[in-house]
Amino acid sequence: MALLPAVDLARHLGDTSKRGDDLAQVDLLQIPAQRLDEAAIHLQATLQEAFEKLESASVEAVYVERLTANGVRRIYGVLTREAVESAYRF
């Protein structure tokens, strides 16, 4: 599994619609895009824990999640390595 930037998906959908191709099914693996390897961290994790996860899992991004009361995993956002490292520089 990897993260696909929304801008790359939007660009592909725009190009596809301009060509008149069918948008009913899109194979996300066939879209030319930068993909980021990812790992999960809990919603209450600290920035330090996010950095440690990036290092230990050798990934480029972490997605922030928590398990809801009814057992559904909810994703709240994504932190890239660049964003975490930038926060530590300031």
PDB file of N, CA and C in Angstrom:
ATOM      1  N   MET A   1       0.838  -1.165   0.000  1.00  0.00           N
ATOM      2  CA  MET A   1       0.000   0.000   0.000  1.00  0.00           C
ATOM      3  C   MET A   1       0.892   1.241   0.000  1.00  0.00           C
ATOM      4  N   ALA A   2       0.461   2.265  -0.672  1.00  0.00           N
ATOM      5  CA  ALA A   2       1.212   3.517  -0.734  1.00  0.00           C
ATOM      6  C   ALA A   2       0.241   4.677  -0.856  1.00  0.00           C
ATOM      7  N   LEU A   3       0.723   5.854  -0.518  1.00  0.00           N
ATOM      8  CA  LEU A   3      -0.096   7.061  -0.623  1.00  0.00           C
ATOM      9  C   LEU A   3       0.061   7.681  -1.996  1.00  0.00           C
ATOM     10  N   LEU A   4      -1.050   8.070  -2.574  1.00  0.00           N
ATOM     11  CA  LEU A   4      -1.088   8.709  -3.887  1.00  0.00           C
ATOM     12  C   LEU A   4      -1.539  10.153  -3.684  1.00  0.00           C
ATOM     13  N   PRO A   5      -0.712  11.136  -4.043  1.00  0.00           N
ATOM     14  CA  PRO A   5      -1.127  12.531  -3.876  1.00  0.00           C
ATOM     15  C   PRO A   5      -2.402  12.837  -4.662  1.00  0.00           C
ATOM     16  N   ALA A   6      -3.316  13.550  -4.029  1.00  0.00           N
ATOM     17  CA  ALA A   6      -4.596  13.883  -4.655  1.00  0.00           C
ATOM     18  C   ALA A   6      -4.412  14.685  -5.933  1.00  0.00           C
ATOM     19  N   VAL A   7      -3.381  15.516  -5.983  1.00  0.00           N
ATOM     20  CA  VAL A   7      -3.151  16.326  -7.173  1.00  0.00           C
ATOM     21  C   VAL A   7      -2.839  15.441  -8.385  1.00  0.00           C
ATOM     22  N   ASP A   8      -2.138  14.336  -8.171  1.00  0.00           N
ATOM     23  CA  ASP A   8      -1.851  13.417  -9.276  1.00  0.00           C
ATOM     24  C   ASP A   8      -3.116  12.718  -9.757  1.00  0.00           C
ATOM     25  N   LEU A   9      -3.990  12.356  -8.821  1.00  0.00           N
ATOM     26  CA  LEU A   9      -5.267  11.745  -9.193  1.00  0.00           C
ATOM     27  C   LEU A   9      -6.127  12.746  -9.963  1.00  0.00           C
ATOM     28  N   ALA A  10      -6.195  13.982  -9.477  1.00  0.00           N
ATOM     29  CA  ALA A  10      -6.994  15.016 -10.151  1.00  0.00           C
ATOM     30  C   ALA A  10      -6.475  15.277 -11.562  1.00  0.00           C
ATOM     31  N   ARG A  11      -5.173  15.315 -11.703  1.00  0.00           N
ATOM     32  CA  ARG A  11      -4.584  15.532 -13.030  1.00  0.00           C
ATOM     33  C   ARG A  11      -4.971  14.387 -13.971  1.00  0.00           C
ATOM     34  N   HIS A  12      -4.891  13.173 -13.485  1.00  0.00           N
ATOM     35  CA  HIS A  12      -5.238  12.012 -14.303  1.00  0.00           C
ATOM     36  C   HIS A  12      -6.715  12.044 -14.697  1.00  0.00           C
ATOM     37  N   LEU A  13      -7.586  12.347 -13.746  1.00  0.00           N
ATOM     38  CA  LEU A  13      -9.019  12.396 -14.045  1.00  0.00           C
ATOM     39  C   LEU A  13      -9.330  13.499 -15.048  1.00  0.00           C
ATOM     40  N   GLY A  14      -8.661  14.640 -14.918  1.00  0.00           N
ATOM     41  CA  GLY A  14      -8.863  15.725 -15.881  1.00  0.00           C
ATOM     42  C   GLY A  14      -8.414  15.330 -17.274  1.00  0.00           C
ATOM     43  N   ASP A  15      -7.249  14.691 -17.367  1.00  0.00           N
ATOM     44  CA  ASP A  15      -6.742  14.235 -18.664  1.00  0.00           C
ATOM     45  C   ASP A  15      -7.648  13.176 -19.260  1.00  0.00           C
ATOM     46  N   THR A  16      -8.142  12.281 -18.417  1.00  0.00           N
ATOM     47  CA  THR A  16      -9.010  11.198 -18.880  1.00  0.00           C
ATOM     48  C   THR A  16     -10.328  11.748 -19.418  1.00  0.00           C
ATOM     49  N   SER A  17     -10.904  12.726 -18.709  1.00  0.00           N
ATOM     50  CA  SER A  17     -12.179  13.284 -19.163  1.00  0.00           C
ATOM     51  C   SER A  17     -12.004  14.088 -20.450  1.00  0.00           C
ATOM     52  N   LYS A  18     -10.869  14.751 -20.615  1.00  0.00           N
ATOM     53  CA  LYS A  18     -10.600  15.505 -21.845  1.00  0.00           C
ATOM     54  C   LYS A  18     -10.524  14.575 -23.054  1.00  0.00           C
ATOM     55  N   ARG A  19      -9.994  13.368 -22.842  1.00  0.00           N
ATOM     56  CA  ARG A  19      -9.892  12.398 -23.934  1.00  0.00           C
ATOM     57  C   ARG A  19     -11.223  11.692 -24.182  1.00  0.00           C
ATOM     58  N   GLY A  20     -12.177  11.880 -23.280  1.00  0.00           N
ATOM     59  CA  GLY A  20     -13.474  11.231 -23.426  1.00  0.00           C
ATOM     60  C   GLY A  20     -13.482   9.794 -22.939  1.00  0.00           C
ATOM     61  N   ASP A  21     -12.452   9.402 -22.181  1.00  0.00           N
ATOM     62  CA  ASP A  21     -12.388   8.040 -21.645  1.00  0.00           C
ATOM     63  C   ASP A  21     -13.392   7.861 -20.510  1.00  0.00           C
ATOM     64  N   ASP A  22     -13.722   6.617 -20.243  1.00  0.00           N
ATOM     65  CA  ASP A  22     -14.672   6.267 -19.193  1.00  0.00           C
ATOM     66  C   ASP A  22     -14.037   6.491 -17.819  1.00  0.00           C
ATOM     67  N   LEU A  23     -14.720   7.204 -16.958  1.00  0.00           N
ATOM     68  CA  LEU A  23     -14.230   7.460 -15.602  1.00  0.00           C
ATOM     69  C   LEU A  23     -14.881   6.547 -14.567  1.00  0.00           C
ATOM     70  N   ALA A  24     -15.691   5.580 -15.004  1.00  0.00           N
ATOM     71  CA  ALA A  24     -16.410   4.717 -14.069  1.00  0.00           C
ATOM     72  C   ALA A  24     -15.449   3.893 -13.224  1.00  0.00           C
ATOM     73  N   GLN A  25     -14.342   3.453 -13.837  1.00  0.00           N
ATOM     74  CA  GLN A  25     -13.359   2.673 -13.090  1.00  0.00           C
ATOM     75  C   GLN A  25     -11.975   3.231 -13.372  1.00  0.00           C
ATOM     76  N   VAL A  26     -11.252   3.483 -12.301  1.00  0.00           N
ATOM     77  CA  VAL A  26      -9.900   4.003 -12.420  1.00  0.00           C
ATOM     78  C   VAL A  26      -8.979   3.071 -11.653  1.00  0.00           C
ATOM     79  N   ASP A  27      -7.961   2.552 -12.329  1.00  0.00           N
ATOM     80  CA  ASP A  27      -6.961   1.713 -11.676  1.00  0.00           C
ATOM     81  C   ASP A  27      -5.892   2.629 -11.093  1.00  0.00           C
ATOM     82  N   LEU A  28      -5.909   2.789  -9.781  1.00  0.00           N
ATOM     83  CA  LEU A  28      -5.001   3.726  -9.127  1.00  0.00           C
ATOM     84  C   LEU A  28      -3.536   3.340  -9.304  1.00  0.00           C
ATOM     85  N   LEU A  29      -3.275   2.070  -9.531  1.00  0.00           N
ATOM     86  CA  LEU A  29      -1.897   1.630  -9.729  1.00  0.00           C
ATOM     87  C   LEU A  29      -1.362   1.990 -11.109  1.00  0.00           C
ATOM     88  N   GLN A  30      -2.246   2.323 -12.031  1.00  0.00           N
ATOM     89  CA  GLN A  30      -1.829   2.660 -13.388  1.00  0.00           C
ATOM     90  C   GLN A  30      -1.622   4.157 -13.603  1.00  0.00           C
ATOM     91  N   ILE A  31      -1.983   4.960 -12.616  1.00  0.00           N
ATOM     92  CA  ILE A  31      -1.833   6.409 -12.733  1.00  0.00           C
ATOM     93  C   ILE A  31      -0.357   6.772 -12.536  1.00  0.00           C
ATOM     94  N   PRO A  32       0.226   7.514 -13.484  1.00  0.00           N
ATOM     95  CA  PRO A  32       1.603   7.961 -13.271  1.00  0.00           C
ATOM     96  C   PRO A  32       1.627   9.005 -12.157  1.00  0.00           C
ATOM     97  N   ALA A  33       2.318   8.674 -11.068  1.00  0.00           N
ATOM     98  CA  ALA A  33       2.331   9.569  -9.917  1.00  0.00           C
ATOM     99  C   ALA A  33       3.459   9.193  -8.976  1.00  0.00           C
ATOM    100  N   GLN A  34       3.793  10.132  -8.130  1.00  0.00           N
ATOM    101  CA  GLN A  34       4.730   9.846  -7.050  1.00  0.00           C
ATOM    102  C   GLN A  34       3.936   9.118  -5.969  1.00  0.00           C
ATOM    103  N   ARG A  35       4.453   8.019  -5.478  1.00  0.00           N
ATOM    104  CA  ARG A  35       3.795   7.285  -4.405  1.00  0.00           C
ATOM    105  C   ARG A  35       4.714   7.258  -3.195  1.00  0.00           C
ATOM    106  N   LEU A  36       4.116   7.397  -2.029  1.00  0.00           N
ATOM    107  CA  LEU A  36       4.882   7.413  -0.790  1.00  0.00           C
ATOM    108  C   LEU A  36       4.613   6.144   0.006  1.00  0.00           C
ATOM    109  N   ASP A  37       5.688   5.469   0.426  1.00  0.00           N
ATOM    110  CA  ASP A  37       5.523   4.351   1.347  1.00  0.00           C
ATOM    111  C   ASP A  37       5.039   4.926   2.665  1.00  0.00           C
ATOM    112  N   GLU A  38       4.188   4.177   3.364  1.00  0.00           N
ATOM    113  CA  GLU A  38       3.552   4.731   4.561  1.00  0.00           C
ATOM    114  C   GLU A  38       3.473   3.716   5.683  1.00  0.00           C
ATOM    115  N   ALA A  39       3.201   4.227   6.879  1.00  0.00           N
ATOM    116  CA  ALA A  39       2.946   3.421   8.066  1.00  0.00           C
ATOM    117  C   ALA A  39       1.913   4.178   8.899  1.00  0.00           C
ATOM    118  N   ALA A  40       1.306   3.478   9.838  1.00  0.00           N
ATOM    119  CA  ALA A  40       0.260   4.093  10.677  1.00  0.00           C
ATOM    120  C   ALA A  40       0.819   4.522  12.024  1.00  0.00           C
ATOM    121  N   ILE A  41       0.265   5.617  12.559  1.00  0.00           N
ATOM    122  CA  ILE A  41       0.512   6.020  13.939  1.00  0.00           C
ATOM    123  C   ILE A  41      -0.836   6.374  14.561  1.00  0.00           C
ATOM    124  N   HIS A  42      -0.897   6.276  15.863  1.00  0.00           N
ATOM    125  CA  HIS A  42      -2.135   6.575  16.577  1.00  0.00           C
ATOM    126  C   HIS A  42      -2.359   8.081  16.659  1.00  0.00           C
ATOM    127  N   LEU A  43      -3.615   8.460  16.735  1.00  0.00           N
ATOM    128  CA  LEU A  43      -4.027   9.865  16.806  1.00  0.00           C
ATOM    129  C   LEU A  43      -3.336  10.610  17.950  1.00  0.00           C
ATOM    130  N   GLN A  44      -3.063   9.938  19.053  1.00  0.00           N
ATOM    131  CA  GLN A  44      -2.457  10.603  20.207  1.00  0.00           C
ATOM    132  C   GLN A  44      -0.928  10.530  20.217  1.00  0.00           C
ATOM    133  N   ALA A  45      -0.331  10.052  19.136  1.00  0.00           N
ATOM    134  CA  ALA A  45       1.129   9.980  19.064  1.00  0.00           C
ATOM    135  C   ALA A  45       1.716  11.384  19.023  1.00  0.00           C
ATOM    136  N   THR A  46       2.906  11.504  19.552  1.00  0.00           N
ATOM    137  CA  THR A  46       3.606  12.786  19.518  1.00  0.00           C
ATOM    138  C   THR A  46       4.352  12.924  18.193  1.00  0.00           C
ATOM    139  N   LEU A  47       4.840  14.124  17.938  1.00  0.00           N
ATOM    140  CA  LEU A  47       5.640  14.350  16.744  1.00  0.00           C
ATOM    141  C   LEU A  47       6.918  13.519  16.807  1.00  0.00           C
ATOM    142  N   GLN A  48       7.480  13.360  18.001  1.00  0.00           N
ATOM    143  CA  GLN A  48       8.670  12.534  18.182  1.00  0.00           C
ATOM    144  C   GLN A  48       8.362  11.082  17.813  1.00  0.00           C
ATOM    145  N   GLU A  49       7.203  10.584  18.235  1.00  0.00           N
ATOM    146  CA  GLU A  49       6.813   9.211  17.900  1.00  0.00           C
ATOM    147  C   GLU A  49       6.601   9.060  16.394  1.00  0.00           C
ATOM    148  N   ALA A  50       6.058  10.082  15.756  1.00  0.00           N
ATOM    149  CA  ALA A  50       5.890  10.048  14.304  1.00  0.00           C
ATOM    150  C   ALA A  50       7.249   9.972  13.629  1.00  0.00           C
ATOM    151  N   PHE A  51       8.199  10.776  14.102  1.00  0.00           N
ATOM    152  CA  PHE A  51       9.547  10.753  13.538  1.00  0.00           C
ATOM    153  C   PHE A  51      10.186   9.380  13.728  1.00  0.00           C
ATOM    154  N   GLU A  52      10.036   8.810  14.911  1.00  0.00           N
ATOM    155  CA  GLU A  52      10.605   7.489  15.188  1.00  0.00           C
ATOM    156  C   GLU A  52       9.981   6.422  14.293  1.00  0.00           C
ATOM    157  N   LYS A  53       8.682   6.523  14.032  1.00  0.00           N
ATOM    158  CA  LYS A  53       8.006   5.569  13.150  1.00  0.00           C
ATOM    159  C   LYS A  53       8.524   5.697  11.720  1.00  0.00           C
ATOM    160  N   LEU A  54       8.704   6.933  11.254  1.00  0.00           N
ATOM    161  CA  LEU A  54       9.263   7.163   9.924  1.00  0.00           C
ATOM    162  C   LEU A  54      10.630   6.492   9.803  1.00  0.00           C
ATOM    163  N   GLU A  55      11.444   6.640  10.847  1.00  0.00           N
ATOM    164  CA  GLU A  55      12.792   6.061  10.843  1.00  0.00           C
ATOM    165  C   GLU A  55      12.753   4.538  10.931  1.00  0.00           C
ATOM    166  N   SER A  56      12.013   4.011  11.885  1.00  0.00           N
ATOM    167  CA  SER A  56      12.028   2.562  12.125  1.00  0.00           C
ATOM    168  C   SER A  56      11.386   1.773  10.984  1.00  0.00           C
ATOM    169  N   ALA A  57      10.365   2.349  10.361  1.00  0.00           N
ATOM    170  CA  ALA A  57       9.682   1.655   9.270  1.00  0.00           C
ATOM    171  C   ALA A  57      10.284   1.992   7.904  1.00  0.00           C
ATOM    172  N   SER A  58      11.222   2.928   7.887  1.00  0.00           N
ATOM    173  CA  SER A  58      11.856   3.383   6.630  1.00  0.00           C
ATOM    174  C   SER A  58      10.811   3.767   5.587  1.00  0.00           C
ATOM    175  N   VAL A  59       9.886   4.640   6.004  1.00  0.00           N
ATOM    176  CA  VAL A  59       8.825   5.112   5.114  1.00  0.00           C
ATOM    177  C   VAL A  59       8.933   6.618   4.934  1.00  0.00           C
ATOM    178  N   GLU A  60       8.175   7.129   3.968  1.00  0.00           N
ATOM    179  CA  GLU A  60       8.208   8.551   3.658  1.00  0.00           C
ATOM    180  C   GLU A  60       7.053   9.328   4.264  1.00  0.00           C
ATOM    181  N   ALA A  61       6.053   8.606   4.803  1.00  0.00           N
ATOM    182  CA  ALA A  61       4.887   9.269   5.395  1.00  0.00           C
ATOM    183  C   ALA A  61       4.235   8.350   6.426  1.00  0.00           C
ATOM    184  N   VAL A  62       3.539   8.975   7.360  1.00  0.00           N
ATOM    185  CA  VAL A  62       2.715   8.221   8.312  1.00  0.00           C
ATOM    186  C   VAL A  62       1.297   8.765   8.221  1.00  0.00           C
ATOM    187  N   TYR A  63       0.329   7.878   8.329  1.00  0.00           N
ATOM    188  CA  TYR A  63      -1.050   8.347   8.392  1.00  0.00           C
ATOM    189  C   TYR A  63      -1.531   8.204   9.827  1.00  0.00           C
ATOM    190  N   VAL A  64      -2.277   9.206  10.264  1.00  0.00           N
ATOM    191  CA  VAL A  64      -2.733   9.302  11.650  1.00  0.00           C
ATOM    192  C   VAL A  64      -4.110   8.669  11.735  1.00  0.00           C
ATOM    193  N   GLU A  65      -4.247   7.682  12.614  1.00  0.00           N
ATOM    194  CA  GLU A  65      -5.508   6.949  12.704  1.00  0.00           C
ATOM    195  C   GLU A  65      -5.876   6.661  14.155  1.00  0.00           C
ATOM    196  N   ARG A  66      -7.119   6.252  14.326  1.00  0.00           N
ATOM    197  CA  ARG A  66      -7.575   5.709  15.609  1.00  0.00           C
ATOM    198  C   ARG A  66      -8.710   4.751  15.333  1.00  0.00           C
ATOM    199  N   LEU A  67      -8.916   3.842  16.245  1.00  0.00           N
ATOM    200  CA  LEU A  67      -9.998   2.879  16.161  1.00  0.00           C
ATOM    201  C   LEU A  67     -11.205   3.478  16.874  1.00  0.00           C
ATOM    202  N   THR A  68     -12.329   3.582  16.181  1.00  0.00           N
ATOM    203  CA  THR A  68     -13.529   4.166  16.790  1.00  0.00           C
ATOM    204  C   THR A  68     -14.211   3.137  17.680  1.00  0.00           C
ATOM    205  N   ALA A  69     -15.207   3.587  18.436  1.00  0.00           N
ATOM    206  CA  ALA A  69     -15.905   2.705  19.372  1.00  0.00           C
ATOM    207  C   ALA A  69     -16.565   1.518  18.678  1.00  0.00           C
ATOM    208  N   ASN A  70     -16.970   1.692  17.437  1.00  0.00           N
ATOM    209  CA  ASN A  70     -17.625   0.587  16.732  1.00  0.00           C
ATOM    210  C   ASN A  70     -16.631  -0.263  15.932  1.00  0.00           C
ATOM    211  N   GLY A  71     -15.327  -0.087  16.200  1.00  0.00           N
ATOM    212  CA  GLY A  71     -14.314  -0.934  15.594  1.00  0.00           C
ATOM    213  C   GLY A  71     -13.857  -0.536  14.205  1.00  0.00           C
ATOM    214  N   VAL A  72     -14.198   0.677  13.776  1.00  0.00           N
ATOM    215  CA  VAL A  72     -13.806   1.149  12.447  1.00  0.00           C
ATOM    216  C   VAL A  72     -12.538   1.994  12.581  1.00  0.00           C
ATOM    217  N   ARG A  73     -11.548   1.721  11.724  1.00  0.00           N
ATOM    218  CA  ARG A  73     -10.340   2.545  11.703  1.00  0.00           C
ATOM    219  C   ARG A  73     -10.641   3.838  10.957  1.00  0.00           C
ATOM    220  N   ARG A  74     -10.380   4.955  11.598  1.00  0.00           N
ATOM    221  CA  ARG A  74     -10.611   6.255  10.964  1.00  0.00           C
ATOM    222  C   ARG A  74      -9.280   6.947  10.764  1.00  0.00           C
ATOM    223  N   ILE A  75      -9.026   7.426   9.565  1.00  0.00           N
ATOM    224  CA  ILE A  75      -7.787   8.124   9.255  1.00  0.00           C
ATOM    225  C   ILE A  75      -8.047   9.626   9.327  1.00  0.00           C
ATOM    226  N   TYR A  76      -7.187  10.329  10.061  1.00  0.00           N
ATOM    227  CA  TYR A  76      -7.364  11.754  10.301  1.00  0.00           C
ATOM    228  C   TYR A  76      -6.446  12.638   9.456  1.00  0.00           C
ATOM    229  N   GLY A  77      -5.381  12.075   8.956  1.00  0.00           N
ATOM    230  CA  GLY A  77      -4.472  12.885   8.152  1.00  0.00           C
ATOM    231  C   GLY A  77      -3.180  12.159   7.869  1.00  0.00           C
ATOM    232  N   VAL A  78      -2.295  12.868   7.202  1.00  0.00           N
ATOM    233  CA  VAL A  78      -1.014  12.304   6.782  1.00  0.00           C
ATOM    234  C   VAL A  78       0.092  13.285   7.147  1.00  0.00           C
ATOM    235  N   LEU A  79       1.178  12.751   7.662  1.00  0.00           N
ATOM    236  CA  LEU A  79       2.383  13.539   7.922  1.00  0.00           C
ATOM    237  C   LEU A  79       3.505  12.976   7.060  1.00  0.00           C
ATOM    238  N   THR A  80       4.100  13.820   6.259  1.00  0.00           N
ATOM    239  CA  THR A  80       5.239  13.380   5.462  1.00  0.00           C
ATOM    240  C   THR A  80       6.522  13.565   6.264  1.00  0.00           C
ATOM    241  N   ARG A  81       7.551  12.860   5.858  1.00  0.00           N
ATOM    242  CA  ARG A  81       8.861  13.018   6.496  1.00  0.00           C
ATOM    243  C   ARG A  81       9.307  14.483   6.410  1.00  0.00           C
ATOM    244  N   GLU A  82       9.078  15.096   5.270  1.00  0.00           N
ATOM    245  CA  GLU A  82       9.464  16.496   5.066  1.00  0.00           C
ATOM    246  C   GLU A  82       8.764  17.413   6.071  1.00  0.00           C
ATOM    247  N   ALA A  83       7.489  17.182   6.312  1.00  0.00           N
ATOM    248  CA  ALA A  83       6.734  18.028   7.250  1.00  0.00           C
ATOM    249  C   ALA A  83       7.238  17.851   8.680  1.00  0.00           C
ATOM    250  N   VAL A  84       7.529  16.622   9.067  1.00  0.00           N
ATOM    251  CA  VAL A  84       8.017  16.356  10.423  1.00  0.00           C
ATOM    252  C   VAL A  84       9.391  16.979  10.603  1.00  0.00           C
ATOM    253  N   GLU A  85      10.280  16.768   9.646  1.00  0.00           N
ATOM    254  CA  GLU A  85      11.624  17.326   9.749  1.00  0.00           C
ATOM    255  C   GLU A  85      11.579  18.856   9.735  1.00  0.00           C
ATOM    256  N   SER A  86      10.678  19.440   8.972  1.00  0.00           N
ATOM    257  CA  SER A  86      10.536  20.889   8.927  1.00  0.00           C
ATOM    258  C   SER A  86      10.098  21.428  10.293  1.00  0.00           C
ATOM    259  N   ALA A  87       9.207  20.721  10.960  1.00  0.00           N
ATOM    260  CA  ALA A  87       8.736  21.155  12.280  1.00  0.00           C
ATOM    261  C   ALA A  87       9.880  21.144  13.294  1.00  0.00           C
ATOM    262  N   TYR A  88      10.791  20.202  13.158  1.00  0.00           N
ATOM    263  CA  TYR A  88      11.919  20.137  14.083  1.00  0.00           C
ATOM    264  C   TYR A  88      12.991  21.188  13.793  1.00  0.00           C
ATOM    265  N   ARG A  89      13.055  21.686  12.586  1.00  0.00           N
ATOM    266  CA  ARG A  89      14.056  22.706  12.240  1.00  0.00           C
ATOM    267  C   ARG A  89      13.707  24.056  12.850  1.00  0.00           C
ATOM    268  N   PHE A  90      12.428  24.303  13.150  1.00  0.00           N
ATOM    269  CA  PHE A  90      12.014  25.609  13.661  1.00  0.00           C
ATOM    270  C   PHE A  90      11.879  25.633  15.133  1.00  0.00           C
TER     271      PHE A  90
END
